[in-house]
Amino acid sequence: IYIDNIDVDEAKDRYYKKLNINPFWEEIDVVNSLNRVTFEAVYALVSSPNYNAAAMDGIAVRSSDTKSATEINPVILEENKDFVYINTGNPIEEPYNAVIMIEDIIDLGNGKIKIIKSAHPWQHVRPIGEDIVATEMILPSRHKIRPIDIGALLSGGIEKIKVYKQPKVGIIPTGSEIVEKVSQLQFGKIIDSNSRVFEGLILENGGIPNRYSPVEDDYDKLKEAVLKGIEENDILIIGAGSSAGSKDYTVNILRELGEVVVHGVALKPGKPTILGIIDNKPVIGVPGYPVSAYLVFETFVIPLILKFIGLEKREDTFHQATISKKITSSLKNRELIRVNLGYVKDRLVATPLSSGAGVTMSLVKADGIAIIPQSLEGVDAGGTVNVKILKPL
């Protein structure tokens, strides 16, 4: 029995409807909230500033005392009677209602100064609530918190905040040929790099990675690892073993323990993807080839993580480019082609890189991913392709 060939969007739709994800929230300190996502709108508890504050270094005065000041008719003011010296941020208290900058006064000594320009009421004064007014909304719900947002929250008197709980994502590398360390590398063995890539992608997108040691190709050992992974995580990723070889046990274990919603998608590379569910938790079987693994993770796992943390799928940047050589594609799959990009005169030109699913460096070197729709049999040289940009243009 081989695998299906379901359209990528149809596979996602079918899978996400079955999952019915209900995200949870937790309350954390604002100072630890960078890159977390607000669960609900956040409203200021206090105004900022919460008093009338000097906006400049200088002197606080009654504006009415300065009305007649000109170069021809300067006004002399006496310290502690007509003015007080003040620094930026100090409170402005009655009877004073304006600030004159220090550089605009002439010191006459003996506590007296001269001014040659009048001050209007509330000149250089930050009024209560100039920045934030108590009860106003500081952040909406489903907002990814930035450094500047933390400053606004603290200024608004917020110390704790409700955020979407980060999903714990278990990663089980599989394969008797997989080793963890370079020192274990020998003929017939492969370093486990995929799970480390997954860890980075999970962190980058707001999840908490939980990587397990590689599991050899043994049905009972993999089943035991899957049961443990389901118990300890919100999402489980099983690396390799998703195809239809004699040692590819993942799909049968998922059928035994839960449900396989999709096995095989119309994506090249990435066809032998498994979308399963155990105990209402998503379990995704990801192909073992590094490029396939990365592209499948981007296509299916990242949108899942974003659903858990209250965000929609991030918007990728696409550009139209001219393909430099003919690409042949199959009507069976949506094909993802790694490309280099460059401007030739005023045209953005895409040049295909190695198409091997195991060539990691093709992703490292790629400037973008050209997408050949399932409806096309390829693109001739000089034709136009839609390219997802991986690096700043």
Protein backbone atom coordinates (compact mmCIF):
# COMPACT_ATOMS: atom_id res chain seq x y z
CA ILE A 1 0.00 0.00 0.00
CA TYR A 2 1.57 3.29 -1.05
CA ILE A 3 0.72 6.81 -0.05
CA ASP A 4 -1.88 9.38 -1.12
CA ASN A 5 -1.25 12.52 -3.16
CA ILE A 6 -3.54 15.11 -1.59
CA ASP A 7 -3.39 18.79 -2.54
CA VAL A 8 -1.43 20.76 0.09
CA ASP A 9 -4.20 23.24 0.90
CA GLU A 10 -6.83 20.51 1.02
CA ALA A 11 -4.61 18.45 3.35
CA LYS A 12 -4.14 21.43 5.69
CA ASP A 13 -7.85 22.22 5.70
CA ARG A 14 -8.84 18.62 6.38
CA TYR A 15 -6.26 18.29 9.16
CA TYR A 16 -6.90 21.57 10.97
CA LYS A 17 -10.67 20.97 10.98
CA LYS A 18 -10.11 17.60 12.65
CA LEU A 19 -7.74 19.07 15.24
CA ASN A 20 -10.00 21.83 16.59
CA ILE A 21 -7.19 23.60 18.49
CA ASN A 22 -8.22 25.60 21.57
CA PRO A 23 -5.27 27.71 22.77
CA PHE A 24 -4.70 28.39 26.47
CA TRP A 25 -3.36 31.46 28.28
CA GLU A 26 -0.98 32.04 31.15
CA GLU A 27 -0.09 35.13 33.18
CA ILE A 28 3.53 36.28 33.15
CA ASP A 29 5.58 39.30 34.23
CA VAL A 30 5.63 42.07 31.64
CA VAL A 31 9.43 42.25 31.88
CA ASN A 32 9.57 38.64 30.57
CA SER A 33 6.97 39.09 27.82
CA LEU A 34 9.15 39.88 24.77
CA ASN A 35 7.84 38.11 21.63
CA ARG A 36 4.87 36.61 23.50
CA VAL A 37 1.35 37.18 22.16
CA THR A 38 -1.34 39.01 24.13
CA PHE A 39 -4.36 36.86 24.97
CA GLU A 40 -6.66 39.85 25.49
CA ALA A 41 -6.56 43.61 25.09
CA VAL A 42 -4.47 45.38 27.74
CA TYR A 43 -5.69 48.64 29.32
CA ALA A 44 -3.63 51.19 31.25
CA LEU A 45 -4.06 51.25 35.03
CA VAL A 46 -2.33 54.61 35.48
CA SER A 47 -1.64 57.65 33.34
CA SER A 48 1.83 58.45 32.07
CA PRO A 49 3.06 60.80 33.23
CA ASN A 50 0.83 60.70 36.31
CA TYR A 51 1.71 64.30 37.23
CA ASN A 52 2.45 67.48 35.27
CA ALA A 53 6.15 67.15 34.48
CA ALA A 54 8.89 69.46 33.23
CA ALA A 55 9.82 68.64 29.64
CA MET A 56 13.07 70.64 29.76
CA ASP A 57 15.82 71.64 32.18
CA GLY A 58 15.31 75.26 33.26
CA ILE A 59 13.04 77.22 35.57
CA ALA A 60 9.38 76.83 36.51
CA VAL A 61 7.47 80.11 36.38
CA ARG A 62 3.98 81.60 36.43
CA SER A 63 3.37 82.41 32.79
CA SER A 64 1.49 85.59 33.80
CA ASP A 65 4.71 86.97 35.36
CA THR A 66 6.49 86.80 31.98
CA LYS A 67 3.88 88.38 29.71
CA SER A 68 5.72 91.65 29.14
CA ALA A 69 9.21 90.20 28.56
CA THR A 70 10.92 91.36 25.34
CA GLU A 71 14.46 92.20 24.31
CA ILE A 72 13.65 95.88 24.80
CA ASN A 73 11.76 95.28 28.02
CA PRO A 74 13.36 92.31 29.88
CA VAL A 75 11.76 90.94 33.03
CA ILE A 76 13.77 90.29 36.21
CA LEU A 77 12.68 87.27 38.29
CA GLU A 78 13.77 86.30 41.80
CA GLU A 79 14.45 82.67 42.85
CA ASN A 80 11.92 81.03 45.22
CA LYS A 81 9.63 84.05 44.77
CA ASP A 82 9.04 84.17 41.02
CA PHE A 83 10.66 80.91 39.90
CA VAL A 84 12.39 77.68 40.97
CA TYR A 85 15.08 75.78 39.12
CA ILE A 86 13.81 72.50 37.69
CA ASN A 87 15.11 69.47 35.77
CA THR A 88 13.44 67.42 33.07
CA GLY A 89 10.86 65.09 34.62
CA ASN A 90 10.43 67.05 37.85
CA PRO A 91 6.84 67.78 38.94
CA ILE A 92 5.36 71.19 38.10
CA GLU A 93 3.46 72.29 41.17
CA GLU A 94 1.28 75.31 41.88
CA PRO A 95 1.61 78.21 41.51
CA TYR A 96 3.88 77.44 38.53
CA ASN A 97 2.47 76.50 35.11
CA ALA A 98 5.28 76.92 32.57
CA VAL A 99 8.97 76.11 32.04
CA ILE A 100 11.63 78.34 30.48
CA MET A 101 14.67 76.48 29.14
CA ILE A 102 17.94 77.09 30.97
CA GLU A 103 19.56 78.44 27.79
CA ASP A 104 16.88 81.15 27.51
CA ILE A 105 17.66 82.80 30.88
CA ILE A 106 20.39 85.28 31.80
CA ASP A 107 21.83 84.75 35.29
CA LEU A 108 22.33 88.07 37.10
CA GLY A 109 23.67 86.49 40.29
CA ASN A 110 22.31 86.79 43.84
CA GLY A 111 19.35 84.54 42.95
CA LYS A 112 18.09 86.78 40.15
CA ILE A 113 17.69 86.05 36.45
CA LYS A 114 16.61 88.04 33.39
CA ILE A 115 14.34 86.82 30.57
CA ILE A 116 13.68 88.52 27.24
CA LYS A 117 10.83 86.33 25.99
CA SER A 118 7.46 85.51 27.53
CA ALA A 119 6.34 81.98 28.39
CA HIS A 120 2.85 80.77 27.46
CA PRO A 121 0.82 78.58 29.85
CA TRP A 122 2.03 74.94 29.89
CA GLN A 123 5.10 75.77 27.82
CA HIS A 124 7.59 72.84 28.02
CA VAL A 125 5.30 70.95 30.41
CA ARG A 126 4.19 67.36 29.88
CA PRO A 127 0.60 67.24 31.17
CA ILE A 128 -0.85 64.27 33.04
CA GLY A 129 -1.61 61.50 30.51
CA GLU A 130 0.30 63.09 27.63
CA ASP A 131 1.67 59.63 26.73
CA ILE A 132 -0.90 57.24 28.21
CA VAL A 133 -4.29 57.94 29.80
CA ALA A 134 -5.51 55.54 32.47
CA THR A 135 -8.08 53.06 31.00
CA GLU A 136 -6.93 53.51 27.39
CA MET A 137 -5.99 50.38 25.44
CA ILE A 138 -2.22 49.94 25.26
CA LEU A 139 -2.17 46.72 23.21
CA PRO A 140 -4.89 44.75 21.39
CA SER A 141 -5.30 41.00 21.72
CA ARG A 142 -3.22 38.68 19.49
CA HIS A 143 -0.37 41.21 19.40
CA LYS A 144 3.24 40.02 19.42
CA ILE A 145 4.98 42.03 22.13
CA ARG A 146 7.97 44.15 21.04
CA PRO A 147 10.58 45.87 23.24
CA ILE A 148 8.80 49.24 22.88
CA ASP A 149 5.52 47.60 23.94
CA ILE A 150 7.11 46.49 27.22
CA GLY A 151 8.00 50.13 27.90
CA ALA A 152 4.41 51.24 27.24
CA LEU A 153 2.95 48.49 29.43
CA LEU A 154 5.19 49.39 32.37
CA SER A 155 4.45 53.11 31.90
CA GLY A 156 0.75 52.26 32.02
CA GLY A 157 1.17 50.50 35.37
CA ILE A 158 0.95 46.94 34.02
CA GLU A 159 3.18 44.42 35.81
CA LYS A 160 1.58 41.13 34.72
CA ILE A 161 -0.04 40.23 31.43
CA LYS A 162 -2.09 37.36 29.98
CA VAL A 163 -0.38 35.76 26.97
CA TYR A 164 -1.07 32.71 24.85
CA LYS A 165 0.64 29.64 26.28
CA GLN A 166 3.52 28.43 24.14
CA PRO A 167 3.02 24.90 22.83
CA LYS A 168 5.62 22.33 23.79
CA VAL A 169 6.73 20.61 20.59
CA GLY A 170 8.29 17.17 20.93
CA ILE A 171 10.84 16.08 18.32
CA ILE A 172 11.63 12.39 17.86
CA PRO A 173 14.44 11.70 15.35
CA THR A 174 14.28 8.13 14.03
CA GLY A 175 16.58 5.78 12.14
CA SER A 176 19.17 3.17 13.11
CA GLU A 177 21.71 5.09 11.01
CA ILE A 178 21.28 8.33 13.00
CA VAL A 179 23.93 9.47 15.50
CA GLU A 180 23.99 12.60 17.67
CA LYS A 181 27.70 13.49 17.78
CA VAL A 182 30.45 13.87 15.20
CA SER A 183 32.59 11.55 17.34
CA GLN A 184 30.07 8.74 16.66
CA LEU A 185 30.22 9.23 12.90
CA GLN A 186 31.41 6.20 10.93
CA PHE A 187 30.67 4.45 7.66
CA GLY A 188 26.90 4.06 7.20
CA LYS A 189 25.99 6.58 9.91
CA ILE A 190 24.46 10.09 9.54
CA ILE A 191 24.57 13.05 11.93
CA ASP A 192 21.12 14.07 13.17
CA SER A 193 20.86 17.66 11.95
CA ASN A 194 17.14 17.85 11.14
CA SER A 195 15.99 17.89 14.76
CA ARG A 196 18.34 20.79 15.51
CA VAL A 197 16.84 22.73 12.61
CA PHE A 198 13.38 21.96 14.00
CA GLU A 199 14.45 23.25 17.44
CA GLY A 200 15.46 26.56 15.88
CA LEU A 201 12.28 26.87 13.83
CA ILE A 202 10.12 26.11 16.88
CA LEU A 203 11.89 28.75 18.99
CA GLU A 204 11.75 31.27 16.14
CA ASN A 205 7.99 30.83 15.83
CA GLY A 206 7.01 30.93 19.49
CA GLY A 207 7.02 27.29 20.60
CA ILE A 208 9.08 25.37 23.15
CA PRO A 209 11.15 22.56 21.58
CA ASN A 210 11.53 19.28 23.45
CA ARG A 211 14.01 17.10 21.54
CA TYR A 212 14.46 13.41 22.30
CA SER A 213 17.44 11.18 21.49
CA PRO A 214 17.18 9.31 18.17
CA VAL A 215 15.11 6.12 18.16
CA GLU A 216 16.30 3.16 16.11
CA ASP A 217 14.10 1.45 13.52
CA ASP A 218 12.23 -0.78 15.94
CA TYR A 219 8.42 -0.80 16.07
CA ASP A 220 8.07 -1.26 19.83
CA LYS A 221 10.78 1.27 20.73
CA LEU A 222 9.27 3.90 18.42
CA LYS A 223 5.78 3.19 19.77
CA GLU A 224 7.08 3.69 23.33
CA ALA A 225 8.77 6.96 22.31
CA VAL A 226 5.58 8.21 20.65
CA LEU A 227 3.47 7.45 23.74
CA LYS A 228 5.97 9.34 25.90
CA GLY A 229 6.08 12.21 23.41
CA ILE A 230 2.29 12.51 23.36
CA GLU A 231 2.12 12.57 27.15
CA GLU A 232 4.76 15.31 27.48
CA ASN A 233 3.96 17.64 24.56
CA ASP A 234 1.22 19.57 22.77
CA ILE A 235 2.54 18.76 19.28
CA LEU A 236 4.71 15.81 18.29
CA ILE A 237 7.09 15.67 15.31
CA ILE A 238 8.49 12.35 14.16
CA GLY A 239 11.50 12.78 11.90
CA ALA A 240 11.95 10.24 9.05
CA GLY A 241 10.18 6.90 8.80
CA SER A 242 7.19 8.54 7.13
CA SER A 243 7.51 6.94 3.69
CA ALA A 244 6.50 3.41 2.66
CA GLY A 245 9.70 1.41 3.14
CA SER A 246 9.98 -1.80 5.15
CA LYS A 247 11.37 0.13 8.17
CA ASP A 248 8.97 3.08 7.94
CA TYR A 249 6.88 2.32 11.00
CA THR A 250 5.49 5.78 11.79
CA VAL A 251 2.20 5.54 9.89
CA ASN A 252 1.29 2.12 11.35
CA ILE A 253 2.05 3.29 14.90
CA LEU A 254 -0.14 6.35 14.38
CA ARG A 255 -2.96 4.18 13.08
CA GLU A 256 -2.62 1.89 16.10
CA LEU A 257 -2.56 4.71 18.66
CA GLY A 258 -4.79 7.26 16.99
CA GLU A 259 -5.78 8.40 13.51
CA VAL A 260 -3.95 9.15 10.27
CA VAL A 261 -5.78 12.01 8.57
CA VAL A 262 -3.38 12.35 5.62
CA HIS A 263 -0.46 10.24 4.42
CA GLY A 264 1.05 11.74 1.29
CA VAL A 265 0.70 15.27 -0.04
CA ALA A 266 1.16 16.71 -3.52
CA LEU A 267 4.34 18.53 -2.53
CA LYS A 268 7.79 18.04 -4.02
CA PRO A 269 9.95 17.64 -2.06
CA GLY A 270 7.87 16.46 0.88
CA LYS A 271 5.40 13.94 -0.55
CA PRO A 272 5.52 11.29 2.25
CA THR A 273 4.22 13.64 4.95
CA ILE A 274 1.96 12.15 7.64
CA LEU A 275 -0.68 14.25 9.40
CA GLY A 276 -1.99 12.30 12.37
CA ILE A 277 -3.81 12.74 15.67
CA ILE A 278 -3.32 10.90 18.98
CA ASP A 279 -5.30 11.92 22.09
CA ASN A 280 -6.52 15.03 20.21
CA LYS A 281 -2.91 16.16 19.75
CA PRO A 282 -1.28 16.73 16.35
CA VAL A 283 1.41 14.23 15.37
CA ILE A 284 3.28 14.97 12.13
CA GLY A 285 5.56 12.54 10.36
CA VAL A 286 8.21 14.54 8.53
CA PRO A 287 10.39 13.07 5.74
CA GLY A 288 14.05 12.40 6.55
CA TYR A 289 15.75 14.26 3.70
CA PRO A 290 16.87 17.66 5.07
CA VAL A 291 15.30 19.84 2.36
CA SER A 292 12.03 17.87 2.44
CA ALA A 293 12.03 18.07 6.23
CA TYR A 294 12.53 21.84 6.25
CA LEU A 295 9.89 22.57 3.61
CA VAL A 296 7.31 20.25 5.22
CA PHE A 297 7.98 21.84 8.62
CA GLU A 298 7.48 25.31 7.10
CA THR A 299 4.30 24.19 5.32
CA PHE A 300 2.52 22.23 8.06
CA VAL A 301 4.15 22.61 11.49
CA ILE A 302 4.77 26.38 11.71
CA PRO A 303 1.11 27.27 10.96
CA LEU A 304 0.13 24.84 13.74
CA ILE A 305 2.45 26.51 16.27
CA LEU A 306 1.07 29.91 15.28
CA LYS A 307 -2.49 28.67 15.86
CA PHE A 308 -1.51 27.64 19.40
CA ILE A 309 -0.08 31.09 20.18
CA GLY A 310 -2.99 33.05 18.72
CA LEU A 311 -1.38 34.25 15.50
CA GLU A 312 -2.39 33.75 11.90
CA LYS A 313 0.14 32.34 9.48
CA ARG A 314 2.81 34.97 8.90
CA GLU A 315 2.72 36.71 5.55
CA ASP A 316 5.58 35.63 3.30
CA THR A 317 7.09 38.06 0.81
CA PHE A 318 6.73 37.06 -2.84
CA HIS A 319 8.23 38.56 -5.98
CA GLN A 320 7.80 37.74 -9.64
CA ALA A 321 11.06 36.63 -11.27
CA THR A 322 12.21 35.46 -14.69
CA ILE A 323 13.46 31.86 -14.64
CA SER A 324 16.88 31.48 -16.28
CA LYS A 325 16.43 27.91 -17.51
CA LYS A 326 13.61 25.52 -18.22
CA ILE A 327 12.05 23.72 -15.25
CA THR A 328 10.15 20.52 -15.85
CA SER A 329 7.47 19.71 -13.29
CA SER A 330 4.79 17.09 -12.76
CA LEU A 331 1.08 17.73 -12.67
CA LYS A 332 1.04 15.45 -9.61
CA ASN A 333 2.75 17.92 -7.27
CA ARG A 334 3.21 21.51 -6.20
CA GLU A 335 6.96 21.87 -6.71
CA LEU A 336 9.24 24.02 -4.57
CA ILE A 337 12.46 25.01 -6.37
CA ARG A 338 15.39 26.60 -4.51
CA VAL A 339 16.74 29.55 -6.50
CA ASN A 340 19.38 32.24 -6.46
CA LEU A 341 18.18 35.72 -7.39
CA GLY A 342 19.88 38.62 -9.10
CA TYR A 343 19.02 41.69 -11.12
CA VAL A 344 19.97 41.72 -14.80
CA LYS A 345 19.31 45.30 -15.88
CA ASP A 346 15.82 45.87 -14.49
CA ARG A 347 14.70 42.22 -14.35
CA LEU A 348 14.81 39.97 -11.29
CA VAL A 349 16.21 36.66 -12.55
CA ALA A 350 15.86 33.33 -10.71
CA THR A 351 18.43 30.59 -11.26
CA PRO A 352 17.56 27.10 -9.96
CA LEU A 353 19.93 25.43 -7.49
CA SER A 354 20.41 21.70 -6.95
CA SER A 355 17.05 19.99 -6.70
CA GLY A 356 18.15 17.09 -4.49
CA ALA A 357 16.00 16.67 -1.37
CA GLY A 358 19.10 15.82 0.64
CA VAL A 359 21.19 18.84 -0.37
CA THR A 360 21.10 21.01 2.76
CA MET A 361 23.46 23.60 1.29
CA SER A 362 20.95 24.37 -1.46
CA LEU A 363 18.73 25.87 1.27
CA VAL A 364 21.65 27.70 2.90
CA LYS A 365 22.60 29.26 -0.44
CA ALA A 366 19.05 29.88 -1.69
CA ASP A 367 17.76 33.44 -1.95
CA GLY A 368 14.21 32.23 -2.50
CA ILE A 369 11.84 29.34 -3.19
CA ALA A 370 10.16 29.35 -6.59
CA ILE A 371 6.72 27.79 -6.49
CA ILE A 372 5.51 25.80 -9.48
CA PRO A 373 1.76 25.21 -9.08
CA GLN A 374 0.38 21.69 -9.39
CA SER A 375 -1.54 22.82 -12.47
CA LEU A 376 1.65 23.44 -14.51
CA GLU A 377 3.96 20.92 -16.19
CA GLY A 378 6.87 23.31 -15.85
CA VAL A 379 8.12 26.72 -16.90
CA ASP A 380 10.19 27.53 -19.98
CA ALA A 381 13.38 29.62 -19.77
CA GLY A 382 12.34 33.27 -19.77
CA GLY A 383 9.01 32.44 -18.15
CA THR A 384 7.77 34.03 -14.94
CA VAL A 385 7.75 32.31 -11.55
CA ASN A 386 6.44 33.38 -8.14
CA VAL A 387 9.33 33.37 -5.64
CA LYS A 388 9.06 33.35 -1.85
CA ILE A 389 11.90 35.58 -0.68
CA LEU A 390 14.21 34.11 2.00
CA LYS A 391 16.64 37.06 2.26
CA PRO A 392 16.26 40.83 2.01
CA LEU A 393 16.25 41.86 -1.65
